[in-house]
């Protein structure tokens, strides 16, 4: 615990995904106080043509109460 799922368009390199997984792990351990061994990160590539149907509608539009960073807004 915790497990972080990153959904993104295909095309990112293995190096980019590795660096992002390392950054996510670093921040999770620092903020939540978990040990690094308890954190897992996965990537789910979703084609841009399927983004609306497979990600935006079910994960973003249908569950706004779960969003801590909404698309289109800077933090």
PDB file of N, CA and C in Angstrom:
ATOM      1  N   UNK A   1       0.850  -1.164   0.000  1.00  0.00           N
ATOM      2  CA  UNK A   1       0.000   0.000   0.000  1.00  0.00           C
ATOM      3  C   UNK A   1       0.884   1.212   0.000  1.00  0.00           C
ATOM      4  N   UNK A   2       0.725   2.152  -0.775  1.00  0.00           N
ATOM      5  CA  UNK A   2      -0.280   2.325  -1.814  1.00  0.00           C
ATOM      6  C   UNK A   2       0.188   1.844  -3.195  1.00  0.00           C
ATOM      7  N   UNK A   3      -0.796   1.649  -4.048  1.00  0.00           N
ATOM      8  CA  UNK A   3      -0.543   1.301  -5.450  1.00  0.00           C
ATOM      9  C   UNK A   3      -1.036   2.470  -6.291  1.00  0.00           C
ATOM     10  N   UNK A   4      -0.170   3.007  -7.131  1.00  0.00           N
ATOM     11  CA  UNK A   4      -0.494   4.161  -7.970  1.00  0.00           C
ATOM     12  C   UNK A   4      -0.568   3.695  -9.417  1.00  0.00           C
ATOM     13  N   UNK A   5      -1.679   4.012 -10.080  1.00  0.00           N
ATOM     14  CA  UNK A   5      -1.854   3.674 -11.498  1.00  0.00           C
ATOM     15  C   UNK A   5      -1.792   4.965 -12.299  1.00  0.00           C
ATOM     16  N   UNK A   6      -0.893   5.016 -13.257  1.00  0.00           N
ATOM     17  CA  UNK A   6      -0.762   6.175 -14.130  1.00  0.00           C
ATOM     18  C   UNK A   6      -1.305   5.776 -15.492  1.00  0.00           C
ATOM     19  N   UNK A   7      -2.335   6.468 -15.945  1.00  0.00           N
ATOM     20  CA  UNK A   7      -2.892   6.220 -17.275  1.00  0.00           C
ATOM     21  C   UNK A   7      -2.370   7.318 -18.190  1.00  0.00           C
ATOM     22  N   UNK A   8      -1.841   6.920 -19.340  1.00  0.00           N
ATOM     23  CA  UNK A   8      -1.235   7.874 -20.245  1.00  0.00           C
ATOM     24  C   UNK A   8      -1.291   7.354 -21.668  1.00  0.00           C
ATOM     25  N   UNK A   9      -1.102   8.282 -22.606  1.00  0.00           N
ATOM     26  CA  UNK A   9      -1.036   7.884 -24.006  1.00  0.00           C
ATOM     27  C   UNK A   9       0.246   7.117 -24.258  1.00  0.00           C
ATOM     28  N   UNK A  10       0.236   6.183 -25.199  1.00  0.00           N
ATOM     29  CA  UNK A  10       1.455   5.463 -25.561  1.00  0.00           C
ATOM     30  C   UNK A  10       2.505   6.424 -26.124  1.00  0.00           C
ATOM     31  N   UNK A  11       3.757   5.982 -26.079  1.00  0.00           N
ATOM     32  CA  UNK A  11       4.817   6.766 -26.695  1.00  0.00           C
ATOM     33  C   UNK A  11       5.889   7.245 -25.743  1.00  0.00           C
ATOM     34  N   UNK A  12       5.637   7.140 -24.445  1.00  0.00           N
ATOM     35  CA  UNK A  12       6.673   7.518 -23.485  1.00  0.00           C
ATOM     36  C   UNK A  12       7.717   6.410 -23.443  1.00  0.00           C
ATOM     37  N   UNK A  13       8.961   6.796 -23.249  1.00  0.00           N
ATOM     38  CA  UNK A  13      10.038   5.810 -23.221  1.00  0.00           C
ATOM     39  C   UNK A  13      10.056   5.064 -21.888  1.00  0.00           C
ATOM     40  N   UNK A  14      10.746   3.941 -21.879  1.00  0.00           N
ATOM     41  CA  UNK A  14      10.916   3.189 -20.636  1.00  0.00           C
ATOM     42  C   UNK A  14      11.661   4.035 -19.608  1.00  0.00           C
ATOM     43  N   UNK A  15      12.613   4.818 -20.065  1.00  0.00           N
ATOM     44  CA  UNK A  15      13.358   5.702 -19.163  1.00  0.00           C
ATOM     45  C   UNK A  15      12.435   6.751 -18.534  1.00  0.00           C
ATOM     46  N   UNK A  16      11.559   7.339 -19.329  1.00  0.00           N
ATOM     47  CA  UNK A  16      10.613   8.325 -18.787  1.00  0.00           C
ATOM     48  C   UNK A  16       9.691   7.682 -17.755  1.00  0.00           C
ATOM     49  N   UNK A  17       9.194   6.492 -18.052  1.00  0.00           N
ATOM     50  CA  UNK A  17       8.299   5.812 -17.116  1.00  0.00           C
ATOM     51  C   UNK A  17       9.041   5.409 -15.837  1.00  0.00           C
ATOM     52  N   UNK A  18      10.269   4.962 -15.981  1.00  0.00           N
ATOM     53  CA  UNK A  18      11.065   4.604 -14.804  1.00  0.00           C
ATOM     54  C   UNK A  18      11.310   5.824 -13.927  1.00  0.00           C
ATOM     55  N   UNK A  19      11.682   6.935 -14.544  1.00  0.00           N
ATOM     56  CA  UNK A  19      11.930   8.166 -13.775  1.00  0.00           C
ATOM     57  C   UNK A  19      10.659   8.659 -13.092  1.00  0.00           C
ATOM     58  N   UNK A  20       9.525   8.568 -13.771  1.00  0.00           N
ATOM     59  CA  UNK A  20       8.267   8.981 -13.155  1.00  0.00           C
ATOM     60  C   UNK A  20       7.902   8.063 -12.001  1.00  0.00           C
ATOM     61  N   UNK A  21       8.084   6.768 -12.169  1.00  0.00           N
ATOM     62  CA  UNK A  21       7.801   5.814 -11.089  1.00  0.00           C
ATOM     63  C   UNK A  21       8.694   6.094  -9.883  1.00  0.00           C
ATOM     64  N   UNK A  22       9.958   6.414 -10.125  1.00  0.00           N
ATOM     65  CA  UNK A  22      10.874   6.752  -9.029  1.00  0.00           C
ATOM     66  C   UNK A  22      10.425   8.025  -8.317  1.00  0.00           C
ATOM     67  N   UNK A  23      10.016   9.038  -9.082  1.00  0.00           N
ATOM     68  CA  UNK A  23       9.563  10.303  -8.489  1.00  0.00           C
ATOM     69  C   UNK A  23       8.284  10.100  -7.679  1.00  0.00           C
ATOM     70  N   UNK A  24       7.351   9.330  -8.209  1.00  0.00           N
ATOM     71  CA  UNK A  24       6.109   9.047  -7.488  1.00  0.00           C
ATOM     72  C   UNK A  24       6.425   8.311  -6.198  1.00  0.00           C
ATOM     73  N   UNK A  25       7.280   7.305  -6.273  1.00  0.00           N
ATOM     74  CA  UNK A  25       7.655   6.533  -5.086  1.00  0.00           C
ATOM     75  C   UNK A  25       8.306   7.427  -4.040  1.00  0.00           C
ATOM     76  N   UNK A  26       9.205   8.286  -4.464  1.00  0.00           N
ATOM     77  CA  UNK A  26       9.892   9.206  -3.554  1.00  0.00           C
ATOM     78  C   UNK A  26       8.892  10.108  -2.832  1.00  0.00           C
ATOM     79  N   UNK A  27       7.963  10.677  -3.575  1.00  0.00           N
ATOM     80  CA  UNK A  27       6.972  11.586  -2.985  1.00  0.00           C
ATOM     81  C   UNK A  27       6.002  10.849  -2.069  1.00  0.00           C
ATOM     82  N   UNK A  28       5.562   9.675  -2.481  1.00  0.00           N
ATOM     83  CA  UNK A  28       4.640   8.892  -1.646  1.00  0.00           C
ATOM     84  C   UNK A  28       5.296   8.539  -0.316  1.00  0.00           C
ATOM     85  N   UNK A  29       6.536   8.098  -0.360  1.00  0.00           N
ATOM     86  CA  UNK A  29       7.200   7.729   0.888  1.00  0.00           C
ATOM     87  C   UNK A  29       7.405   8.942   1.779  1.00  0.00           C
ATOM     88  N   UNK A  30       7.740  10.071   1.185  1.00  0.00           N
ATOM     89  CA  UNK A  30       7.962  11.289   1.967  1.00  0.00           C
ATOM     90  C   UNK A  30       6.661  11.820   2.564  1.00  0.00           C
ATOM     91  N   UNK A  31       5.608  11.876   1.778  1.00  0.00           N
ATOM     92  CA  UNK A  31       4.351  12.487   2.220  1.00  0.00           C
ATOM     93  C   UNK A  31       3.540  11.559   3.116  1.00  0.00           C
ATOM     94  N   UNK A  32       3.441  10.278   2.742  1.00  0.00           N
ATOM     95  CA  UNK A  32       2.596   9.353   3.498  1.00  0.00           C
ATOM     96  C   UNK A  32       3.353   8.584   4.573  1.00  0.00           C
ATOM     97  N   UNK A  33       4.671   8.617   4.518  1.00  0.00           N
ATOM     98  CA  UNK A  33       5.450   7.934   5.533  1.00  0.00           C
ATOM     99  C   UNK A  33       5.578   6.429   5.334  1.00  0.00           C
ATOM    100  N   UNK A  34       5.214   5.944   4.164  1.00  0.00           N
ATOM    101  CA  UNK A  34       5.369   4.519   3.867  1.00  0.00           C
ATOM    102  C   UNK A  34       6.807   4.217   3.484  1.00  0.00           C
ATOM    103  N   UNK A  35       7.227   2.996   3.715  1.00  0.00           N
ATOM    104  CA  UNK A  35       8.522   2.574   3.222  1.00  0.00           C
ATOM    105  C   UNK A  35       8.462   2.366   1.717  1.00  0.00           C
ATOM    106  N   UNK A  36       9.601   2.540   1.070  1.00  0.00           N
ATOM    107  CA  UNK A  36       9.660   2.397  -0.384  1.00  0.00           C
ATOM    108  C   UNK A  36       9.191   1.027  -0.854  1.00  0.00           C
ATOM    109  N   UNK A  37       9.457  -0.003  -0.076  1.00  0.00           N
ATOM    110  CA  UNK A  37       9.079  -1.365  -0.462  1.00  0.00           C
ATOM    111  C   UNK A  37       7.568  -1.566  -0.497  1.00  0.00           C
ATOM    112  N   UNK A  38       6.823  -0.692   0.170  1.00  0.00           N
ATOM    113  CA  UNK A  38       5.363  -0.865   0.202  1.00  0.00           C
ATOM    114  C   UNK A  38       4.654  -0.170  -0.958  1.00  0.00           C
ATOM    115  N   UNK A  39       5.389   0.604  -1.743  1.00  0.00           N
ATOM    116  CA  UNK A  39       4.795   1.381  -2.838  1.00  0.00           C
ATOM    117  C   UNK A  39       4.938   0.617  -4.150  1.00  0.00           C
ATOM    118  N   UNK A  40       3.871   0.596  -4.940  1.00  0.00           N
ATOM    119  CA  UNK A  40       3.953   0.037  -6.290  1.00  0.00           C
ATOM    120  C   UNK A  40       3.360   1.046  -7.266  1.00  0.00           C
ATOM    121  N   UNK A  41       3.903   1.071  -8.469  1.00  0.00           N
ATOM    122  CA  UNK A  41       3.469   2.003  -9.510  1.00  0.00           C
ATOM    123  C   UNK A  41       3.327   1.228 -10.806  1.00  0.00           C
ATOM    124  N   UNK A  42       2.192   1.411 -11.473  1.00  0.00           N
ATOM    125  CA  UNK A  42       2.015   0.774 -12.778  1.00  0.00           C
ATOM    126  C   UNK A  42       1.582   1.818 -13.799  1.00  0.00           C
ATOM    127  N   UNK A  43       1.806   1.498 -15.059  1.00  0.00           N
ATOM    128  CA  UNK A  43       1.423   2.371 -16.155  1.00  0.00           C
ATOM    129  C   UNK A  43       0.432   1.647 -17.043  1.00  0.00           C
ATOM    130  N   UNK A  44      -0.624   2.348 -17.396  1.00  0.00           N
ATOM    131  CA  UNK A  44      -1.644   1.808 -18.290  1.00  0.00           C
ATOM    132  C   UNK A  44      -1.716   2.724 -19.502  1.00  0.00           C
ATOM    133  N   UNK A  45      -1.226   2.232 -20.626  1.00  0.00           N
ATOM    134  CA  UNK A  45      -1.247   3.035 -21.845  1.00  0.00           C
ATOM    135  C   UNK A  45      -2.613   2.932 -22.516  1.00  0.00           C
ATOM    136  N   UNK A  46      -3.168   4.092 -22.826  1.00  0.00           N
ATOM    137  CA  UNK A  46      -4.486   4.166 -23.444  1.00  0.00           C
ATOM    138  C   UNK A  46      -4.349   5.008 -24.704  1.00  0.00           C
ATOM    139  N   UNK A  47      -4.749   4.464 -25.820  1.00  0.00           N
ATOM    140  CA  UNK A  47      -4.686   5.193 -27.088  1.00  0.00           C
ATOM    141  C   UNK A  47      -5.510   6.481 -26.999  1.00  0.00           C
ATOM    142  N   UNK A  48      -5.020   7.527 -27.642  1.00  0.00           N
ATOM    143  CA  UNK A  48      -5.718   8.819 -27.585  1.00  0.00           C
ATOM    144  C   UNK A  48      -7.158   8.710 -28.093  1.00  0.00           C
ATOM    145  N   UNK A  49      -7.372   7.836 -29.059  1.00  0.00           N
ATOM    146  CA  UNK A  49      -8.721   7.663 -29.606  1.00  0.00           C
ATOM    147  C   UNK A  49      -9.678   7.013 -28.596  1.00  0.00           C
ATOM    148  N   UNK A  50      -9.150   6.385 -27.552  1.00  0.00           N
ATOM    149  CA  UNK A  50      -9.962   5.713 -26.529  1.00  0.00           C
ATOM    150  C   UNK A  50     -10.003   6.486 -25.215  1.00  0.00           C
ATOM    151  N   UNK A  51      -9.230   7.584 -25.115  1.00  0.00           N
ATOM    152  CA  UNK A  51      -9.090   8.316 -23.858  1.00  0.00           C
ATOM    153  C   UNK A  51     -10.437   8.766 -23.296  1.00  0.00           C
ATOM    154  N   UNK A  52     -11.249   9.372 -24.118  1.00  0.00           N
ATOM    155  CA  UNK A  52     -12.554   9.874 -23.662  1.00  0.00           C
ATOM    156  C   UNK A  52     -13.387   8.746 -23.053  1.00  0.00           C
ATOM    157  N   UNK A  53     -13.487   7.656 -23.773  1.00  0.00           N
ATOM    158  CA  UNK A  53     -14.332   6.534 -23.361  1.00  0.00           C
ATOM    159  C   UNK A  53     -13.734   5.714 -22.208  1.00  0.00           C
ATOM    160  N   UNK A  54     -12.422   5.475 -22.273  1.00  0.00           N
ATOM    161  CA  UNK A  54     -11.800   4.575 -21.297  1.00  0.00           C
ATOM    162  C   UNK A  54     -11.254   5.261 -20.042  1.00  0.00           C
ATOM    163  N   UNK A  55     -10.979   6.558 -20.130  1.00  0.00           N
ATOM    164  CA  UNK A  55     -10.391   7.251 -18.980  1.00  0.00           C
ATOM    165  C   UNK A  55     -11.232   8.445 -18.540  1.00  0.00           C
ATOM    166  N   UNK A  56     -11.448   9.396 -19.438  1.00  0.00           N
ATOM    167  CA  UNK A  56     -12.109  10.638 -19.027  1.00  0.00           C
ATOM    168  C   UNK A  56     -13.512  10.399 -18.456  1.00  0.00           C
ATOM    169  N   UNK A  57     -14.338   9.705 -19.193  1.00  0.00           N
ATOM    170  CA  UNK A  57     -15.721   9.521 -18.726  1.00  0.00           C
ATOM    171  C   UNK A  57     -15.807   8.703 -17.429  1.00  0.00           C
ATOM    172  N   UNK A  58     -15.189   7.506 -17.357  1.00  0.00           N
ATOM    173  CA  UNK A  58     -15.352   6.719 -16.127  1.00  0.00           C
ATOM    174  C   UNK A  58     -14.504   7.185 -14.941  1.00  0.00           C
ATOM    175  N   UNK A  59     -13.310   7.694 -15.188  1.00  0.00           N
ATOM    176  CA  UNK A  59     -12.400   8.008 -14.084  1.00  0.00           C
ATOM    177  C   UNK A  59     -12.417   9.475 -13.665  1.00  0.00           C
ATOM    178  N   UNK A  60     -12.748  10.364 -14.565  1.00  0.00           N
ATOM    179  CA  UNK A  60     -12.680  11.794 -14.272  1.00  0.00           C
ATOM    180  C   UNK A  60     -14.090  12.394 -14.167  1.00  0.00           C
ATOM    181  N   UNK A  61     -14.841  12.331 -15.248  1.00  0.00           N
ATOM    182  CA  UNK A  61     -16.171  12.953 -15.253  1.00  0.00           C
ATOM    183  C   UNK A  61     -17.139  12.289 -14.277  1.00  0.00           C
ATOM    184  N   UNK A  62     -17.087  10.973 -14.173  1.00  0.00           N
ATOM    185  CA  UNK A  62     -18.045  10.255 -13.325  1.00  0.00           C
ATOM    186  C   UNK A  62     -17.662  10.251 -11.845  1.00  0.00           C
ATOM    187  N   UNK A  63     -16.436  10.681 -11.521  1.00  0.00           N
ATOM    188  CA  UNK A  63     -15.984  10.622 -10.127  1.00  0.00           C
ATOM    189  C   UNK A  63     -15.261  11.910  -9.708  1.00  0.00           C
ATOM    190  N   UNK A  64     -15.886  13.046  -9.876  1.00  0.00           N
ATOM    191  CA  UNK A  64     -15.191  14.304  -9.563  1.00  0.00           C
ATOM    192  C   UNK A  64     -14.801  14.433  -8.093  1.00  0.00           C
ATOM    193  N   UNK A  65     -15.515  13.758  -7.209  1.00  0.00           N
ATOM    194  CA  UNK A  65     -15.208  13.822  -5.778  1.00  0.00           C
ATOM    195  C   UNK A  65     -13.896  13.121  -5.431  1.00  0.00           C
ATOM    196  N   UNK A  66     -13.368  12.323  -6.340  1.00  0.00           N
ATOM    197  CA  UNK A  66     -12.098  11.622  -6.109  1.00  0.00           C
ATOM    198  C   UNK A  66     -10.897  12.393  -6.652  1.00  0.00           C
ATOM    199  N   UNK A  67     -11.142  13.444  -7.420  1.00  0.00           N
ATOM    200  CA  UNK A  67     -10.051  14.182  -8.055  1.00  0.00           C
ATOM    201  C   UNK A  67      -9.434  15.186  -7.083  1.00  0.00           C
ATOM    202  N   UNK A  68      -8.129  15.138  -6.967  1.00  0.00           N
ATOM    203  CA  UNK A  68      -7.399  16.120  -6.173  1.00  0.00           C
ATOM    204  C   UNK A  68      -6.655  17.081  -7.081  1.00  0.00           C
ATOM    205  N   UNK A  69      -6.577  16.756  -8.348  1.00  0.00           N
ATOM    206  CA  UNK A  69      -6.030  17.637  -9.376  1.00  0.00           C
ATOM    207  C   UNK A  69      -6.881  17.416 -10.604  1.00  0.00           C
ATOM    208  N   UNK A  70      -7.662  18.448 -10.955  1.00  0.00           N
ATOM    209  CA  UNK A  70      -8.554  18.341 -12.108  1.00  0.00           C
ATOM    210  C   UNK A  70      -7.834  18.751 -13.387  1.00  0.00           C
ATOM    211  N   UNK A  71      -8.162  18.114 -14.504  1.00  0.00           N
ATOM    212  CA  UNK A  71      -7.535  18.511 -15.765  1.00  0.00           C
ATOM    213  C   UNK A  71      -7.953  19.928 -16.123  1.00  0.00           C
ATOM    214  N   UNK A  72      -7.024  20.671 -16.696  1.00  0.00           N
ATOM    215  CA  UNK A  72      -7.316  22.018 -17.122  1.00  0.00           C
ATOM    216  C   UNK A  72      -7.045  23.079 -16.067  1.00  0.00           C
ATOM    217  N   UNK A  73      -6.657  22.666 -14.868  1.00  0.00           N
ATOM    218  CA  UNK A  73      -6.382  23.602 -13.790  1.00  0.00           C
ATOM    219  C   UNK A  73      -4.958  23.411 -13.295  1.00  0.00           C
ATOM    220  N   UNK A  74      -4.270  24.519 -13.056  1.00  0.00           N
ATOM    221  CA  UNK A  74      -2.934  24.437 -12.467  1.00  0.00           C
ATOM    222  C   UNK A  74      -3.073  24.428 -10.967  1.00  0.00           C
ATOM    223  N   UNK A  75      -2.136  23.791 -10.298  1.00  0.00           N
ATOM    224  CA  UNK A  75      -2.181  23.697  -8.835  1.00  0.00           C
ATOM    225  C   UNK A  75      -1.600  24.938  -8.193  1.00  0.00           C
TER     226      UNK A  75
END
